[in-house]
Amino acid sequence: MCNLLTTYAIDLYTPIAKWLVIGVIALILLSWLIVFLLKKENTLSFIKTTLLVLFAFLLIIGIVGLILEIAKSFNPTYIEDNYLDRAGVTKYILIPITCLLCLFLATIIALALVNKKSLPENQEKNLKKVFTIFGILDLVSLIISGIFIAVYFESVKEWYPTLNQTVLYISSILVIIVIVALGFILDNNSKPFDTKCLSFAGITVAMSFGLSYIKIFEMPQGGAVTLFSLLPIMIFSYVYGTKKGVFVCFVYGMLQAIQDPWIIHPAQFLLDYPVAFSAIGLSGAFSKIKAFNKIPQIAFLLGGIMASCLRFFSHVLSGVFAFASTYAGDLNSWIYSLGYNSFVFVDIAIVLVIGAIVFSSKAFNKELNKLSN
């Protein structure tokens, strides 16, 4: 019998979670159809209720999966099999990343509490103070985590002699600058992180993380095509703008680093996880353009394509300068990386098809307008 906190627990859990999620989604869709046919006037309220049920279900799926992933990552047998320095990887990688995620969670909770407890006239001022304090703490924690990871890989650099470390660091810095700059330039929503925004952020991240366990297929060196797992966080960016979208998708990228860790270098970690998924936060770039007011599905498609291209570019740089020398064989490193990471377009194609259908609904767009306004 498999102990639930062994290396193998998550491997047993993932396929079960996958089919459970598929079954629940199918059941919900069937119930929508039945209600629409029998009591059309109750359809919208029923959809809202079932979406809350789906959120709660996906939250449970995600939390259980995250706990089992962390348990697996800290399991001595797993570390022994996958890393050469068991003590080092625990001290310099797993603990800092886990602490960073806990601090992100504390930031969200603190903002929600301040927003709820503050008087209306002091709300915005107090939120800015808390956001500034925790933002600085998050940034410092991120830098410290990066230093710890860099120290670890510097101590074991002889194990990866073919890595182009200088170009990896330069690439990650440049991509970060581009994504952050675009996040500010393309942002179209000046609303602060209020309770509604924070709640929606938590809901969409939880739903995306839960859906990410439905993997259609996985790549051998990390990455997978999932069943529209990015759709919820892309909708968040569409509603609340690219600045908040980039931040929320950054947090999601950190969760992905725990769910599907394939880390051989700190800059590669950035390019493949928080930076690559931060790019998805740019999906809402076209949401407020007047030309797309009557065709929101086009705005969603254009934003999704742009965001996924940036995500693809980030993965490609990681592939060229971190993985190609080991896995490309006789192939040119760029051809190898471009081909390997093309799974990104399969993944986003599923999201865009489902998203276009969803954004074609007048009722759905009406609800989104209520959130954004």
Protein backbone atom coordinates (compact mmCIF):
# COMPACT_ATOMS: atom_id res chain seq x y z
CA MET A 1 0.00 0.00 0.00
CA CYS A 2 1.30 3.44 -0.88
CA ASN A 3 1.81 5.88 1.96
CA LEU A 4 0.15 9.19 1.01
CA LEU A 5 3.36 11.06 1.82
CA THR A 6 5.70 8.96 -0.29
CA THR A 7 7.30 9.74 -3.61
CA TYR A 8 4.61 7.78 -5.41
CA ALA A 9 1.48 9.33 -3.86
CA ILE A 10 1.28 12.22 -6.33
CA ASP A 11 1.81 9.80 -9.23
CA LEU A 12 -1.25 7.86 -8.11
CA TYR A 13 -3.22 11.01 -7.32
CA THR A 14 -2.71 12.82 -10.64
CA PRO A 15 -4.64 10.43 -12.94
CA ILE A 16 -7.42 10.10 -10.35
CA ALA A 17 -7.66 13.91 -10.09
CA LYS A 18 -7.62 14.19 -13.87
CA TRP A 19 -10.63 11.94 -14.41
CA LEU A 20 -12.48 13.36 -11.41
CA VAL A 21 -12.15 16.88 -12.83
CA ILE A 22 -13.20 15.74 -16.31
CA GLY A 23 -16.20 13.93 -14.82
CA VAL A 24 -17.28 16.91 -12.70
CA ILE A 25 -16.96 19.34 -15.63
CA ALA A 26 -18.96 16.99 -17.88
CA LEU A 27 -21.64 16.66 -15.20
CA ILE A 28 -21.83 20.44 -14.78
CA LEU A 29 -22.14 21.01 -18.53
CA LEU A 30 -24.89 18.39 -18.72
CA SER A 31 -26.73 20.02 -15.82
CA TRP A 32 -26.51 23.42 -17.57
CA LEU A 33 -28.10 21.92 -20.68
CA ILE A 34 -30.90 20.29 -18.68
CA VAL A 35 -31.68 23.50 -16.77
CA PHE A 36 -31.58 25.52 -20.01
CA LEU A 37 -34.07 23.16 -21.66
CA LEU A 38 -36.41 22.88 -18.66
CA LYS A 39 -36.17 26.28 -16.94
CA LYS A 40 -34.39 28.73 -19.21
CA GLU A 41 -35.06 31.71 -16.90
CA ASN A 42 -33.04 30.06 -14.10
CA THR A 43 -30.02 29.22 -16.24
CA LEU A 44 -27.80 32.19 -15.30
CA SER A 45 -28.25 31.84 -11.54
CA PHE A 46 -27.73 28.08 -11.83
CA ILE A 47 -24.49 28.59 -13.78
CA LYS A 48 -23.20 30.97 -11.09
CA THR A 49 -23.96 28.42 -8.37
CA THR A 50 -22.32 25.53 -10.21
CA LEU A 51 -19.24 27.64 -10.97
CA LEU A 52 -18.82 28.24 -7.23
CA VAL A 53 -19.11 24.49 -6.70
CA LEU A 54 -16.52 23.92 -9.44
CA PHE A 55 -14.19 26.47 -7.84
CA ALA A 56 -14.45 24.75 -4.45
CA PHE A 57 -13.81 21.36 -6.06
CA LEU A 58 -10.79 22.60 -8.05
CA LEU A 59 -9.45 24.36 -4.95
CA ILE A 60 -9.51 21.06 -3.06
CA ILE A 61 -7.90 19.25 -6.02
CA GLY A 62 -5.17 21.91 -6.21
CA ILE A 63 -4.44 22.02 -2.47
CA VAL A 64 -4.21 18.23 -2.16
CA GLY A 65 -2.01 18.09 -5.26
CA LEU A 66 0.23 20.88 -3.97
CA ILE A 67 0.67 19.17 -0.59
CA LEU A 68 1.58 15.88 -2.27
CA GLU A 69 3.96 17.65 -4.68
CA ILE A 70 5.74 19.38 -1.77
CA ALA A 71 5.87 16.08 0.12
CA LYS A 72 7.39 14.44 -2.95
CA SER A 73 9.92 17.24 -3.43
CA PHE A 74 11.08 16.95 0.19
CA ASN A 75 11.12 13.14 0.13
CA PRO A 76 14.72 11.92 0.69
CA THR A 77 14.34 9.08 -1.83
CA TYR A 78 13.09 11.43 -4.54
CA ILE A 79 15.90 13.93 -3.90
CA GLU A 80 18.46 11.12 -3.90
CA ASP A 81 17.22 9.87 -7.28
CA ASN A 82 16.93 13.28 -8.96
CA TYR A 83 19.66 15.48 -7.44
CA LEU A 84 23.30 14.85 -6.68
CA ASP A 85 23.35 17.05 -3.55
CA ARG A 86 20.35 16.09 -1.41
CA ALA A 87 21.08 18.44 1.52
CA GLY A 88 21.91 21.34 -0.79
CA VAL A 89 18.77 21.15 -2.89
CA THR A 90 16.57 21.04 0.22
CA LYS A 91 18.31 23.96 1.91
CA TYR A 92 18.92 26.22 -1.10
CA ILE A 93 15.97 25.48 -3.42
CA LEU A 94 12.98 23.74 -1.85
CA ILE A 95 12.81 25.68 1.43
CA PRO A 96 13.31 29.18 -0.13
CA ILE A 97 10.69 28.56 -2.84
CA THR A 98 8.18 27.21 -0.30
CA CYS A 99 8.77 30.22 1.99
CA LEU A 100 8.35 32.59 -0.96
CA LEU A 101 4.98 31.04 -1.84
CA CYS A 102 3.87 31.32 1.81
CA LEU A 103 4.79 35.02 1.79
CA PHE A 104 2.78 35.57 -1.40
CA LEU A 105 -0.19 33.93 0.31
CA ALA A 106 0.33 36.12 3.40
CA THR A 107 0.34 39.20 1.15
CA ILE A 108 -3.03 38.30 -0.37
CA ILE A 109 -4.54 37.56 3.06
CA ALA A 110 -3.18 40.82 4.53
CA LEU A 111 -4.59 42.89 1.67
CA ALA A 112 -7.97 41.20 1.99
CA LEU A 113 -8.10 41.78 5.77
CA VAL A 114 -7.08 45.44 5.52
CA ASN A 115 -9.59 46.03 2.76
CA LYS A 116 -12.36 44.44 4.85
CA LYS A 117 -11.52 46.14 8.17
CA SER A 118 -10.64 49.65 6.95
CA LEU A 119 -13.13 52.49 6.93
CA PRO A 120 -14.15 53.52 3.39
CA GLU A 121 -12.31 56.87 3.61
CA ASN A 122 -9.06 55.17 4.70
CA GLN A 123 -9.34 52.04 2.58
CA GLU A 124 -7.24 53.07 -0.41
CA LYS A 125 -4.54 54.65 1.77
CA ASN A 126 -4.26 51.59 4.01
CA LEU A 127 -4.21 49.23 1.03
CA LYS A 128 -1.33 51.18 -0.52
CA LYS A 129 0.64 51.00 2.73
CA VAL A 130 0.13 47.26 3.15
CA PHE A 131 0.78 46.61 -0.54
CA THR A 132 4.02 48.63 -0.35
CA ILE A 133 5.23 46.86 2.81
CA PHE A 134 4.41 43.36 1.62
CA GLY A 135 5.52 44.19 -1.92
CA ILE A 136 8.97 45.09 -0.59
CA LEU A 137 9.01 41.93 1.55
CA ASP A 138 7.99 39.83 -1.47
CA LEU A 139 10.68 41.44 -3.63
CA VAL A 140 13.37 40.96 -0.97
CA SER A 141 12.24 37.37 -0.47
CA LEU A 142 12.36 36.77 -4.22
CA ILE A 143 15.89 38.20 -4.42
CA ILE A 144 17.03 36.13 -1.43
CA SER A 145 15.50 32.99 -2.96
CA GLY A 146 17.30 33.78 -6.21
CA ILE A 147 20.59 34.18 -4.33
CA PHE A 148 20.10 30.86 -2.54
CA ILE A 149 19.35 29.10 -5.83
CA ALA A 150 22.36 30.78 -7.48
CA VAL A 151 24.62 29.72 -4.59
CA TYR A 152 23.44 26.13 -4.94
CA PHE A 153 24.05 25.95 -8.68
CA GLU A 154 27.40 27.72 -8.33
CA SER A 155 28.45 24.97 -5.93
CA VAL A 156 27.49 22.26 -8.43
CA LYS A 157 28.32 24.05 -11.70
CA GLU A 158 30.80 21.32 -12.68
CA TRP A 159 27.79 19.00 -13.09
CA TYR A 160 26.46 21.23 -15.89
CA PRO A 161 29.62 22.27 -17.80
CA THR A 162 27.79 22.96 -21.08
CA LEU A 163 25.39 25.58 -19.69
CA ASN A 164 25.78 29.05 -21.18
CA GLN A 165 25.29 30.80 -17.84
CA THR A 166 26.04 34.37 -18.93
CA VAL A 167 23.54 34.31 -21.78
CA LEU A 168 20.96 32.62 -19.52
CA TYR A 169 21.18 35.42 -16.97
CA ILE A 170 21.09 38.15 -19.62
CA SER A 171 18.14 36.49 -21.36
CA SER A 172 16.11 36.17 -18.17
CA ILE A 173 16.75 39.81 -17.22
CA LEU A 174 15.78 41.08 -20.67
CA VAL A 175 12.59 39.00 -20.82
CA ILE A 176 11.61 40.19 -17.33
CA ILE A 177 12.14 43.82 -18.38
CA VAL A 178 10.05 43.33 -21.54
CA ILE A 179 7.14 41.65 -19.72
CA VAL A 180 7.07 44.17 -16.85
CA ALA A 181 7.30 47.09 -19.28
CA LEU A 182 4.48 45.71 -21.42
CA GLY A 183 2.45 45.07 -18.27
CA PHE A 184 2.56 48.80 -17.47
CA ILE A 185 2.29 50.09 -21.04
CA LEU A 186 -0.66 47.89 -22.05
CA ASP A 187 -2.53 48.15 -18.74
CA ASN A 188 -6.06 49.46 -19.13
CA ASN A 189 -7.42 49.19 -15.59
CA SER A 190 -6.57 51.68 -12.83
CA LYS A 191 -8.63 49.99 -10.10
CA PRO A 192 -6.69 48.96 -6.96
CA PHE A 193 -6.36 45.46 -5.53
CA ASP A 194 -9.69 45.56 -3.66
CA THR A 195 -11.53 42.64 -2.07
CA LYS A 196 -13.36 41.78 -5.27
CA CYS A 197 -10.12 41.77 -7.28
CA LEU A 198 -8.25 39.70 -4.67
CA SER A 199 -11.11 37.23 -4.43
CA PHE A 200 -11.25 36.85 -8.20
CA ALA A 201 -7.46 36.44 -8.32
CA GLY A 202 -7.61 33.66 -5.74
CA ILE A 203 -10.49 31.95 -7.53
CA THR A 204 -8.84 32.05 -10.96
CA VAL A 205 -5.42 30.89 -9.73
CA ALA A 206 -7.04 28.03 -7.80
CA MET A 207 -9.12 27.01 -10.81
CA SER A 208 -6.13 27.18 -13.17
CA PHE A 209 -3.99 25.16 -10.78
CA GLY A 210 -6.68 22.54 -10.34
CA LEU A 211 -7.25 22.31 -14.10
CA SER A 212 -3.50 21.95 -14.69
CA TYR A 213 -3.77 18.39 -13.34
CA ILE A 214 -5.77 17.47 -16.47
CA LYS A 215 -2.77 16.80 -18.70
CA ILE A 216 -3.47 15.65 -22.24
CA PHE A 217 0.21 14.82 -22.62
CA GLU A 218 3.49 15.68 -20.87
CA MET A 219 6.87 16.56 -22.34
CA PRO A 220 9.93 14.57 -21.20
CA GLN A 221 11.96 17.55 -19.91
CA GLY A 222 9.07 19.51 -18.41
CA GLY A 223 5.97 21.15 -19.83
CA ALA A 224 2.54 19.76 -20.67
CA VAL A 225 -0.57 20.33 -22.74
CA THR A 226 -3.53 20.70 -20.41
CA LEU A 227 -7.28 21.06 -20.79
CA PHE A 228 -7.65 24.90 -20.87
CA SER A 229 -5.91 25.36 -17.49
CA LEU A 230 -4.76 28.88 -18.43
CA LEU A 231 -8.28 30.12 -19.22
CA PRO A 232 -9.20 31.34 -15.68
CA ILE A 233 -6.05 33.46 -15.18
CA MET A 234 -6.37 34.83 -18.72
CA ILE A 235 -9.92 35.91 -17.88
CA PHE A 236 -8.53 37.63 -14.76
CA SER A 237 -6.10 39.61 -16.90
CA TYR A 238 -8.90 40.47 -19.32
CA VAL A 239 -11.02 41.88 -16.49
CA TYR A 240 -8.39 43.54 -14.27
CA GLY A 241 -5.67 44.54 -16.72
CA THR A 242 -2.15 43.49 -17.55
CA LYS A 243 -0.35 44.87 -14.48
CA LYS A 244 -2.38 42.79 -12.07
CA GLY A 245 -2.47 39.97 -14.61
CA VAL A 246 1.32 39.73 -14.75
CA PHE A 247 1.53 39.63 -10.94
CA VAL A 248 -1.17 36.95 -10.58
CA CYS A 249 0.36 34.83 -13.36
CA PHE A 250 3.77 35.19 -11.69
CA VAL A 251 2.29 33.57 -8.57
CA TYR A 252 0.77 30.84 -10.75
CA GLY A 253 4.19 30.26 -12.33
CA MET A 254 5.69 29.70 -8.88
CA LEU A 255 3.01 27.10 -8.18
CA GLN A 256 3.89 25.39 -11.46
CA ALA A 257 7.52 25.20 -10.33
CA ILE A 258 6.38 23.04 -7.42
CA GLN A 259 3.88 21.01 -9.45
CA ASP A 260 6.24 20.15 -12.31
CA PRO A 261 9.82 20.98 -11.21
CA TRP A 262 12.54 20.64 -13.82
CA ILE A 263 15.26 22.99 -12.60
CA ILE A 264 18.94 22.88 -13.53
CA HIS A 265 19.85 26.58 -13.22
CA PRO A 266 18.38 29.68 -11.46
CA ALA A 267 17.99 31.66 -14.70
CA GLN A 268 16.43 28.63 -16.41
CA PHE A 269 14.05 28.36 -13.45
CA LEU A 270 12.97 31.98 -14.01
CA LEU A 271 12.56 31.58 -17.77
CA ASP A 272 10.55 28.36 -17.55
CA TYR A 273 8.32 29.15 -14.59
CA PRO A 274 7.55 32.62 -13.10
CA VAL A 275 8.70 34.61 -16.14
CA ALA A 276 7.11 32.39 -18.80
CA PHE A 277 3.76 32.29 -17.00
CA SER A 278 3.93 36.01 -16.15
CA ALA A 279 3.69 36.60 -19.89
CA ILE A 280 0.20 35.06 -19.82
CA GLY A 281 -0.80 38.04 -17.68
CA LEU A 282 -0.60 40.19 -20.82
CA SER A 283 -3.67 38.43 -22.23
CA GLY A 284 -5.92 41.34 -21.28
CA ALA A 285 -4.04 43.89 -23.38
CA PHE A 286 -6.91 44.43 -25.85
CA SER A 287 -9.86 44.15 -23.46
CA LYS A 288 -10.65 47.88 -23.25
CA ILE A 289 -10.06 48.82 -26.89
CA LYS A 290 -13.30 50.29 -28.23
CA ALA A 291 -12.96 48.60 -31.61
CA PHE A 292 -13.45 45.24 -29.86
CA ASN A 293 -16.38 46.23 -27.62
CA LYS A 294 -18.84 44.21 -29.70
CA ILE A 295 -16.41 41.41 -30.50
CA PRO A 296 -14.70 40.63 -27.14
CA GLN A 297 -13.74 37.17 -28.36
CA ILE A 298 -11.36 38.80 -30.87
CA ALA A 299 -9.79 40.90 -28.10
CA PHE A 300 -9.34 37.73 -26.05
CA LEU A 301 -7.84 35.83 -29.00
CA LEU A 302 -5.36 38.60 -29.87
CA GLY A 303 -4.26 38.99 -26.25
CA GLY A 304 -3.91 35.24 -25.83
CA ILE A 305 -1.83 34.87 -28.99
CA MET A 306 0.50 37.72 -28.00
CA ALA A 307 0.90 36.40 -24.44
CA SER A 308 1.56 32.82 -25.57
CA CYS A 309 4.18 33.99 -28.07
CA LEU A 310 6.07 35.69 -25.24
CA ARG A 311 5.72 32.58 -23.09
CA PHE A 312 7.02 30.49 -26.00
CA PHE A 313 9.98 32.86 -26.47
CA SER A 314 10.89 32.55 -22.78
CA HIS A 315 10.80 28.72 -22.96
CA VAL A 316 12.83 28.75 -26.19
CA LEU A 317 15.63 30.78 -24.61
CA SER A 318 15.73 28.33 -21.71
CA GLY A 319 15.83 25.40 -24.13
CA VAL A 320 18.63 26.86 -26.25
CA PHE A 321 20.96 27.91 -23.43
CA ALA A 322 20.14 25.34 -20.72
CA PHE A 323 18.83 22.10 -22.24
CA ALA A 324 19.90 21.86 -25.88
CA SER A 325 23.52 20.91 -25.18
CA THR A 326 22.32 17.85 -23.24
CA TYR A 327 19.15 16.82 -25.09
CA ALA A 328 19.38 18.17 -28.65
CA GLY A 329 21.80 15.53 -29.93
CA ASP A 330 22.84 16.36 -33.50
CA LEU A 331 20.08 18.95 -33.93
CA ASN A 332 20.82 22.66 -33.98
CA SER A 333 20.02 24.03 -30.51
CA TRP A 334 17.53 26.58 -31.87
CA ILE A 335 15.71 24.01 -34.00
CA TYR A 336 15.56 21.65 -31.01
CA SER A 337 14.19 24.31 -28.67
CA LEU A 338 11.71 25.73 -31.18
CA GLY A 339 10.37 22.25 -31.91
CA TYR A 340 10.27 21.05 -28.30
CA ASN A 341 8.52 24.15 -26.96
CA SER A 342 5.93 24.25 -29.73
CA PHE A 343 3.68 22.39 -27.26
CA VAL A 344 2.88 25.90 -25.97
CA PHE A 345 0.84 26.60 -29.11
CA VAL A 346 -1.12 23.36 -28.78
CA ASP A 347 -1.84 24.26 -25.16
CA ILE A 348 -2.97 27.80 -25.97
CA ALA A 349 -4.99 26.69 -29.03
CA ILE A 350 -7.29 24.66 -26.75
CA VAL A 351 -7.65 27.66 -24.42
CA LEU A 352 -8.40 30.06 -27.28
CA VAL A 353 -11.08 27.80 -28.79
CA ILE A 354 -12.86 27.39 -25.43
CA GLY A 355 -12.30 31.06 -24.61
CA ALA A 356 -13.75 32.24 -27.93
CA ILE A 357 -16.89 30.19 -27.25
CA VAL A 358 -17.20 31.56 -23.71
CA PHE A 359 -16.61 35.18 -24.79
CA SER A 360 -19.31 34.83 -27.44
CA SER A 361 -21.89 34.64 -24.64
CA LYS A 362 -23.63 37.96 -23.96
CA ALA A 363 -24.49 36.85 -20.42
CA PHE A 364 -20.84 36.03 -19.70
CA ASN A 365 -19.63 39.40 -21.00
CA LYS A 366 -22.30 41.17 -18.96
CA GLU A 367 -20.97 39.53 -15.79
CA LEU A 368 -17.38 40.46 -16.70
CA ASN A 369 -18.42 44.08 -17.23
CA LYS A 370 -19.91 44.11 -13.74
CA LEU A 371 -16.59 42.94 -12.33
CA SER A 372 -14.46 45.42 -14.28
CA ASN A 373 -16.76 48.37 -13.56
